[in-house]
C-alpha cells in the first residue's frame, strides 16, 4: 500500500484505506457471480446481500482492533444473520477469505457487525460505514461504493470512498449510464485536500472540482438511477432553469460524489420525492459523510437544497437538512437559486 499523501490523521487514514480496499475486493468478488434471487429484502423494503453484511463486518473488525474506544454507525444489523445459518456461514467465509492474514471466529464477526448500532451525536469520535452504498446498482452489476468516514464532534474529518466499478476516466459525452471500469478509491481529510488512486495502483493524485464546468465538458446533473430516490421531474425543471443541454449521468451510490469531485458532471442533485407525492425521508449520515467531505476538499460546495450546511451531529440521520446540492463554487449558488424557483413553481 502506498503512503497516505498527508500527515494529519495518518493512522486513521491508513487503516481506513486498508479496510475499504479489502471490502472492495470482497464485494467485487461477490458481484461477479451474484444472482438477483440471492437478495434479501429487509423490513424497510430495502435490499441487502451477503456483500453488505460481510463488508460491514470486515471494516468493523479493523476499526474495533485499531480504535477500540471509537463508536461505529453501520447501515446493517444482525437481524438477518441471527435467523439464517447459511447466510452466517457465507459471511464468515467471505470475511476470512478477504481479511487475510487476519482470521476471526463467527462470534467475533457477529460482534463486529453489532458494534455498528451507535447513535452518533454532537460529541466524541465515531465512524460511519456504508458497506455497499447503492445495493440496487450492485445487484444490476453497475456502480456501487464502499464508504467509510470518521466524524469527530459532529464534523466529518476523514472520508474514504471505494468505487470498484468506476473507471479512471470520465464518461464520454452523451453517456447516461457510466460504464464499468477497473475501480478507483477516493480519500479526503479536512484541510488536506481530496485524492484519488486506482484500486490496483497505490499512487495518489490530488483532484479538484473547477468552480464551473469547462466549455469542453458542459454542465449536466449526477442523479440516482432509481426514480424513488429523488424527484426526477423537479430536477428536470431545475435543469431547464440552468440551461442544461446534456442528459443526466445516472448512477447509484456515492460514486456520484466521486465523479463530481474530479470535475465530472457539474451538479449532484437529490430533491426529496415528497415534493412529487412520495414519502417523507430523512437522509442517513452514512450516505453523505464521505462524499460531502470529498466535495468540500476538492474545492466544491455540498449543502442541503436550501443552501444550509449538512449537520452530522444529530444522530444517524440528517434530520435538520432536506435534499442535497453539490457543485463547484461558481455553479452552486446558481443551482440553489434554480432549486428554490423550481420548488416554488411546484406548489
Protein backbone atom coordinates (compact mmCIF):
# COMPACT_ATOMS: atom_id res chain seq x y z
CA UNK A 1 0.00 0.00 0.00
CA UNK A 2 1.37 3.40 -0.92
CA UNK A 3 1.92 6.21 1.52
CA UNK A 4 -1.01 8.40 2.55
CA UNK A 5 -0.39 11.83 0.95
CA UNK A 6 -0.80 13.83 4.19
CA UNK A 7 0.25 13.55 7.84
CA UNK A 8 -2.87 14.60 9.73
CA UNK A 9 -4.94 11.58 10.84
CA UNK A 10 -2.40 9.31 9.12
CA UNK A 11 -3.06 6.21 11.32
CA UNK A 12 -6.80 6.56 10.78
CA UNK A 13 -6.36 7.13 7.05
CA UNK A 14 -4.04 4.13 6.62
CA UNK A 15 -6.46 1.86 8.47
CA UNK A 16 -9.50 3.23 6.60
CA UNK A 17 -7.89 2.75 3.19
CA UNK A 18 -6.80 -0.80 4.05
CA UNK A 19 -10.29 -1.71 5.27
CA UNK A 20 -12.06 -0.18 2.27
CA UNK A 21 -9.69 -1.83 -0.22
CA UNK A 22 -10.33 -5.24 1.34
CA UNK A 23 -14.08 -4.57 1.35
CA UNK A 24 -13.93 -3.52 -2.31
CA UNK A 25 -12.23 -6.78 -3.24
CA UNK A 26 -14.77 -8.74 -1.18
CA UNK A 27 -17.83 -7.06 -2.68
CA UNK A 28 -16.46 -7.25 -6.22
CA UNK A 29 -15.87 -10.99 -5.82
CA UNK A 30 -19.49 -11.44 -4.71
CA UNK A 31 -20.84 -9.24 -7.50
CA UNK A 32 -19.09 -11.25 -10.23
CA UNK A 33 -21.23 -14.31 -9.53
CA UNK A 34 -24.24 -12.56 -7.97
CA UNK A 35 -27.77 -13.54 -8.98
CA UNK A 36 -30.90 -11.47 -8.31
CA UNK A 37 -32.56 -14.22 -6.26
CA UNK A 38 -29.76 -14.03 -3.67
CA UNK A 39 -31.10 -10.65 -2.49
CA UNK A 40 -32.72 -10.42 0.95
CA UNK A 41 -35.43 -7.77 1.47
CA UNK A 42 -35.24 -6.10 4.88
CA UNK A 43 -38.16 -4.86 6.99
CA UNK A 44 -37.81 -1.37 5.49
CA UNK A 45 -38.16 -2.93 1.99
CA UNK A 46 -34.54 -2.17 1.09
CA UNK A 47 -32.33 -4.94 -0.34
CA UNK A 48 -29.33 -6.46 1.45
CA UNK A 49 -26.82 -9.06 0.24
CA UNK A 50 -24.01 -11.19 1.64
CA UNK A 51 -21.70 -8.46 0.32
CA UNK A 52 -23.30 -5.76 2.53
CA UNK A 53 -23.05 -7.84 5.69
CA UNK A 54 -19.56 -9.22 5.00
CA UNK A 55 -18.10 -5.83 4.07
CA UNK A 56 -19.52 -4.15 7.18
CA UNK A 57 -18.13 -6.94 9.34
CA UNK A 58 -14.67 -6.73 7.75
CA UNK A 59 -14.43 -2.94 8.10
CA UNK A 60 -15.79 -3.04 11.66
CA UNK A 61 -13.27 -5.70 12.69
CA UNK A 62 -10.41 -3.47 11.57
CA UNK A 63 -11.88 -0.45 13.39
CA UNK A 64 -12.51 -2.38 16.62
CA UNK A 65 -8.94 -3.69 16.58
CA UNK A 66 -7.23 -0.35 15.86
CA UNK A 67 -9.55 2.11 17.63
CA UNK A 68 -11.48 0.13 20.28
CA UNK A 69 -12.91 3.19 22.02
CA UNK A 70 -14.38 4.71 18.83
CA UNK A 71 -18.09 4.22 18.17
CA UNK A 72 -19.38 2.81 14.88
CA UNK A 73 -22.55 3.64 12.96
CA UNK A 74 -23.19 0.95 10.36
CA UNK A 75 -26.09 0.60 7.96
CA UNK A 76 -26.59 -3.13 8.58
CA UNK A 77 -27.52 -5.05 11.74
CA UNK A 78 -27.72 -8.68 12.85
CA UNK A 79 -31.44 -9.25 12.23
CA UNK A 80 -30.96 -11.33 9.07
CA UNK A 81 -27.88 -13.20 10.29
CA UNK A 82 -29.49 -14.28 13.56
CA UNK A 83 -32.17 -16.31 11.75
CA UNK A 84 -30.18 -17.61 8.77
CA UNK A 85 -27.37 -20.11 9.46
CA UNK A 86 -26.49 -20.46 5.77
CA UNK A 87 -26.09 -16.69 5.45
CA UNK A 88 -23.91 -16.60 8.59
CA UNK A 89 -21.66 -19.28 7.14
CA UNK A 90 -21.25 -17.37 3.86
CA UNK A 91 -20.43 -14.13 5.67
CA UNK A 92 -17.82 -15.79 7.90
CA UNK A 93 -16.20 -17.39 4.86
CA UNK A 94 -16.07 -14.14 2.89
CA UNK A 95 -14.68 -12.10 5.79
CA UNK A 96 -11.88 -14.57 6.50
CA UNK A 97 -11.07 -15.03 2.81
CA UNK A 98 -10.65 -11.31 2.15
CA UNK A 99 -9.28 -10.26 5.54
CA UNK A 100 -6.16 -12.45 5.30
CA UNK A 101 -3.82 -12.84 7.05
CA UNK A 102 -6.26 -11.97 9.86
CA UNK A 103 -8.81 -14.63 10.80
CA UNK A 104 -11.88 -14.27 13.02
CA UNK A 105 -14.43 -16.53 14.67
CA UNK A 106 -18.13 -16.39 13.85
CA UNK A 107 -18.81 -14.71 17.19
CA UNK A 108 -16.16 -12.04 16.62
CA UNK A 109 -17.67 -11.30 13.21
CA UNK A 110 -21.21 -11.04 14.61
CA UNK A 111 -20.00 -8.84 17.47
CA UNK A 112 -18.28 -6.52 14.97
CA UNK A 113 -21.49 -6.03 12.98
CA UNK A 114 -23.41 -5.49 16.22
CA UNK A 115 -20.95 -2.74 17.21
CA UNK A 116 -22.41 -0.66 14.37
CA UNK A 117 -25.51 0.29 16.35
CA UNK A 118 -24.15 3.55 17.83
CA UNK A 119 -26.39 6.61 17.67
CA UNK A 120 -23.80 9.32 16.96
CA UNK A 121 -24.45 12.86 18.15
CA UNK A 122 -22.61 16.15 18.70
CA UNK A 123 -19.59 14.89 20.66
CA UNK A 124 -16.94 12.20 20.50
CA UNK A 125 -15.42 10.13 17.70
CA UNK A 126 -17.45 7.77 15.57
CA UNK A 127 -17.14 6.07 12.20
CA UNK A 128 -19.92 5.69 9.65
CA UNK A 129 -19.93 2.65 7.37
CA UNK A 130 -21.99 2.11 4.25
CA UNK A 131 -20.61 -1.28 3.22
CA UNK A 132 -22.39 -1.42 -0.15
CA UNK A 133 -23.81 2.01 -0.92
CA UNK A 134 -26.12 1.59 -3.90
CA UNK A 135 -27.15 -2.03 -3.36
CA UNK A 136 -29.53 -1.73 -6.32
CA UNK A 137 -26.60 -0.80 -8.57
CA UNK A 138 -24.62 -3.68 -7.11
CA UNK A 139 -27.44 -6.09 -7.93
CA UNK A 140 -27.59 -4.74 -11.52
CA UNK A 141 -23.81 -5.23 -11.85
CA UNK A 142 -23.35 -1.46 -12.17
CA UNK A 143 -22.00 1.27 -9.89
CA UNK A 144 -21.87 0.99 -6.10
CA UNK A 145 -19.49 2.26 -3.42
CA UNK A 146 -17.87 1.18 -0.16
CA UNK A 147 -17.92 4.21 2.14
CA UNK A 148 -16.21 4.94 5.45
CA UNK A 149 -15.99 8.25 7.31
CA UNK A 150 -14.66 9.49 10.63
CA UNK A 151 -16.77 12.12 12.40
CA UNK A 152 -15.34 14.00 15.39
CA UNK A 153 -17.57 16.26 17.49
CA UNK A 154 -20.12 16.46 14.68
CA UNK A 155 -17.59 17.31 11.94
CA UNK A 156 -16.56 14.93 9.15
CA UNK A 157 -12.77 14.74 9.44
CA UNK A 158 -11.89 11.83 7.12
CA UNK A 159 -13.68 10.12 4.26
CA UNK A 160 -12.89 7.16 2.01
CA UNK A 161 -15.00 6.05 -0.95
CA UNK A 162 -14.10 2.88 -2.84
CA UNK A 163 -15.83 2.54 -6.23
CA UNK A 164 -14.97 -0.95 -7.54
CA UNK A 165 -16.65 -0.42 -10.93
CA UNK A 166 -15.77 3.20 -11.63
CA UNK A 167 -13.25 3.92 -14.35
CA UNK A 168 -10.32 6.28 -14.03
CA UNK A 169 -11.53 8.34 -16.99
CA UNK A 170 -14.70 10.50 -17.14
CA UNK A 171 -17.78 9.36 -19.03
CA UNK A 172 -17.89 10.20 -22.73
CA UNK A 173 -20.23 12.96 -23.91
CA UNK A 174 -23.76 11.63 -24.27
CA UNK A 175 -23.32 8.64 -21.98
CA UNK A 176 -26.12 8.39 -19.43
CA UNK A 177 -25.01 5.29 -17.55
CA UNK A 178 -21.35 5.31 -16.62
CA UNK A 179 -19.71 2.15 -18.00
CA UNK A 180 -17.85 -0.16 -15.65
CA UNK A 181 -14.13 0.39 -15.16
CA UNK A 182 -11.26 -1.01 -13.11
CA UNK A 183 -12.13 0.77 -9.87
CA UNK A 184 -10.99 3.89 -8.03
CA UNK A 185 -10.56 4.91 -4.40
CA UNK A 186 -11.13 8.47 -3.20
CA UNK A 187 -9.64 9.82 0.04
CA UNK A 188 -10.26 13.17 1.74
CA UNK A 189 -9.24 14.66 5.07
CA UNK A 190 -10.36 18.00 6.45
CA UNK A 191 -7.83 20.65 5.45
CA UNK A 192 -5.73 18.16 3.45
CA UNK A 193 -7.49 18.02 0.10
CA UNK A 194 -9.11 15.22 -1.91
CA UNK A 195 -7.10 12.45 -3.50
CA UNK A 196 -7.72 9.59 -5.93
CA UNK A 197 -5.94 6.35 -6.78
CA UNK A 198 -6.83 3.21 -8.66
CA UNK A 199 -7.75 0.13 -6.63
CA UNK A 200 -4.71 -1.70 -8.01
CA UNK A 201 -2.09 1.09 -8.02
CA UNK A 202 -1.44 2.97 -4.81
CA UNK A 203 -0.26 6.24 -6.38
CA UNK A 204 -2.43 9.14 -5.18
CA UNK A 205 -3.27 12.13 -7.35
CA UNK A 206 -4.83 15.29 -5.97
CA UNK A 207 -8.22 16.01 -7.51
CA UNK A 208 -10.07 19.29 -7.91
CA UNK A 209 -13.56 20.38 -8.83
CA UNK A 210 -13.49 23.50 -11.05
CA UNK A 211 -15.76 26.41 -9.96
CA UNK A 212 -17.90 25.78 -13.05
CA UNK A 213 -17.72 23.12 -15.79
CA UNK A 214 -15.41 23.95 -18.74
CA UNK A 215 -16.93 24.52 -22.18
CA UNK A 216 -15.36 21.26 -23.33
CA UNK A 217 -17.40 19.34 -20.74
CA UNK A 218 -20.75 21.20 -20.37
CA UNK A 219 -22.89 21.10 -17.25
CA UNK A 220 -25.01 18.06 -16.56
CA UNK A 221 -26.55 16.50 -13.47
CA UNK A 222 -25.43 13.49 -11.49
CA UNK A 223 -28.61 11.73 -10.37
CA UNK A 224 -29.78 8.44 -8.90
CA UNK A 225 -30.84 5.68 -11.28
CA UNK A 226 -33.86 4.85 -9.13
CA UNK A 227 -36.72 7.36 -9.51
CA UNK A 228 -37.78 6.55 -5.94
CA UNK A 229 -34.60 8.12 -4.56
CA UNK A 230 -35.09 11.66 -5.87
CA UNK A 231 -37.74 13.78 -7.60
CA UNK A 232 -36.60 13.48 -11.20
CA UNK A 233 -39.41 15.65 -12.61
CA UNK A 234 -38.49 18.63 -10.41
CA UNK A 235 -34.83 18.02 -11.15
CA UNK A 236 -35.66 18.18 -14.86
CA UNK A 237 -37.18 21.65 -14.31
CA UNK A 238 -34.06 22.71 -12.40
CA UNK A 239 -32.08 21.56 -15.43
CA UNK A 240 -34.16 23.79 -17.70
CA UNK A 241 -33.54 26.77 -15.43
CA UNK A 242 -29.80 26.10 -15.51
CA UNK A 243 -29.93 25.56 -19.29
CA UNK A 244 -28.56 22.03 -19.04
CA UNK A 245 -28.37 20.52 -22.51
CA UNK A 246 -26.78 17.15 -21.74
CA UNK A 247 -28.71 14.15 -20.38
CA UNK A 248 -28.11 13.39 -16.71
CA UNK A 249 -25.42 10.94 -15.70
CA UNK A 250 -27.30 8.35 -13.67
CA UNK A 251 -25.66 6.03 -11.19
CA UNK A 252 -26.28 4.64 -7.74
CA UNK A 253 -24.30 5.41 -4.59
CA UNK A 254 -21.68 7.92 -3.55
CA UNK A 255 -19.94 7.18 -6.85
CA UNK A 256 -21.80 10.38 -7.86
CA UNK A 257 -19.74 12.34 -5.34
CA UNK A 258 -16.59 10.63 -6.60
CA UNK A 259 -17.33 11.64 -10.20
CA UNK A 260 -18.24 15.21 -9.26
CA UNK A 261 -15.10 15.68 -7.15
CA UNK A 262 -12.92 15.11 -10.21
CA UNK A 263 -14.93 17.58 -12.30
CA UNK A 264 -17.36 15.18 -13.92
CA UNK A 265 -20.95 16.32 -14.38
CA UNK A 266 -21.28 19.64 -12.63
CA UNK A 267 -24.13 19.28 -10.12
CA UNK A 268 -25.20 16.41 -7.86
CA UNK A 269 -28.90 16.86 -7.11
CA UNK A 270 -31.11 14.97 -4.69
CA UNK A 271 -34.55 16.55 -4.28
CA UNK A 272 -36.83 14.58 -1.91
CA UNK A 273 -39.61 12.59 -3.59
CA UNK A 274 -42.16 14.00 -1.12
CA UNK A 275 -42.37 17.00 -3.47
CA UNK A 276 -43.82 14.73 -6.16
CA UNK A 277 -46.12 12.71 -3.89
CA UNK A 278 -43.56 10.33 -2.42
CA UNK A 279 -42.89 9.52 1.22
CA UNK A 280 -41.06 11.83 3.59
CA UNK A 281 -37.50 10.60 4.07
CA UNK A 282 -34.57 11.67 6.22
CA UNK A 283 -31.16 11.20 4.62
CA UNK A 284 -28.83 8.83 6.50
CA UNK A 285 -25.46 10.20 7.55
CA UNK A 286 -23.55 7.23 6.11
CA UNK A 287 -24.93 8.09 2.65
CA UNK A 288 -23.29 11.53 2.60
CA UNK A 289 -20.46 11.82 5.16
CA UNK A 290 -17.59 10.70 2.93
CA UNK A 291 -18.99 12.31 -0.21
CA UNK A 292 -19.66 15.73 1.30
CA UNK A 293 -16.08 15.96 2.61
CA UNK A 294 -14.71 14.81 -0.74
CA UNK A 295 -16.56 17.66 -2.49
CA UNK A 296 -15.50 20.29 0.05
CA UNK A 297 -11.85 19.26 -0.05
CA UNK A 298 -11.79 19.17 -3.85
CA UNK A 299 -12.89 22.82 -3.88
CA UNK A 300 -16.65 22.46 -4.24
CA UNK A 301 -19.66 23.11 -2.03
CA UNK A 302 -22.07 20.50 -0.65
CA UNK A 303 -25.20 21.64 1.20
CA UNK A 304 -28.82 20.72 1.55
CA UNK A 305 -31.23 22.02 -1.11
CA UNK A 306 -31.80 25.27 0.86
CA UNK A 307 -28.07 26.01 0.93
CA UNK A 308 -27.60 25.01 4.58
CA UNK A 309 -24.51 23.03 5.66
CA UNK A 310 -25.12 19.33 6.25
CA UNK A 311 -25.38 18.67 10.00
CA UNK A 312 -23.84 15.36 11.07
CA UNK A 313 -24.30 15.98 14.82
CA UNK A 314 -27.97 14.97 15.13
CA UNK A 315 -27.66 11.18 15.26
CA UNK A 316 -28.00 8.66 12.44
CA UNK A 317 -29.89 10.96 10.07
CA UNK A 318 -29.51 14.45 8.58
CA UNK A 319 -32.70 15.37 10.40
CA UNK A 320 -32.30 19.15 10.11
CA UNK A 321 -31.47 19.04 6.39
CA UNK A 322 -33.57 18.41 3.31
CA UNK A 323 -32.22 17.28 -0.05
CA UNK A 324 -28.66 17.60 -1.37
CA UNK A 325 -26.99 20.02 -3.80
CA UNK A 326 -23.28 19.65 -4.54
CA UNK A 327 -21.37 21.60 -7.20
CA UNK A 328 -18.37 23.79 -7.95
CA UNK A 329 -18.14 27.12 -6.14
CA UNK A 330 -19.47 29.21 -9.04
CA UNK A 331 -22.20 26.76 -10.03
CA UNK A 332 -23.54 26.02 -6.53
CA UNK A 333 -25.35 29.34 -5.83
CA UNK A 334 -26.96 29.20 -9.29
CA UNK A 335 -28.13 25.65 -8.57
CA UNK A 336 -29.60 26.65 -5.19
CA UNK A 337 -31.49 29.54 -6.84
CA UNK A 338 -32.84 27.18 -9.51
CA UNK A 339 -33.95 24.69 -6.85
CA UNK A 340 -35.81 27.46 -5.00
CA UNK A 341 -37.59 28.59 -8.18
CA UNK A 342 -38.50 25.05 -9.27
CA UNK A 343 -39.94 24.24 -5.83
CA UNK A 344 -41.96 27.46 -5.75
CA UNK A 345 -43.44 26.59 -9.16
CA UNK A 346 -44.31 23.11 -7.91
CA UNK A 347 -46.59 24.28 -5.08
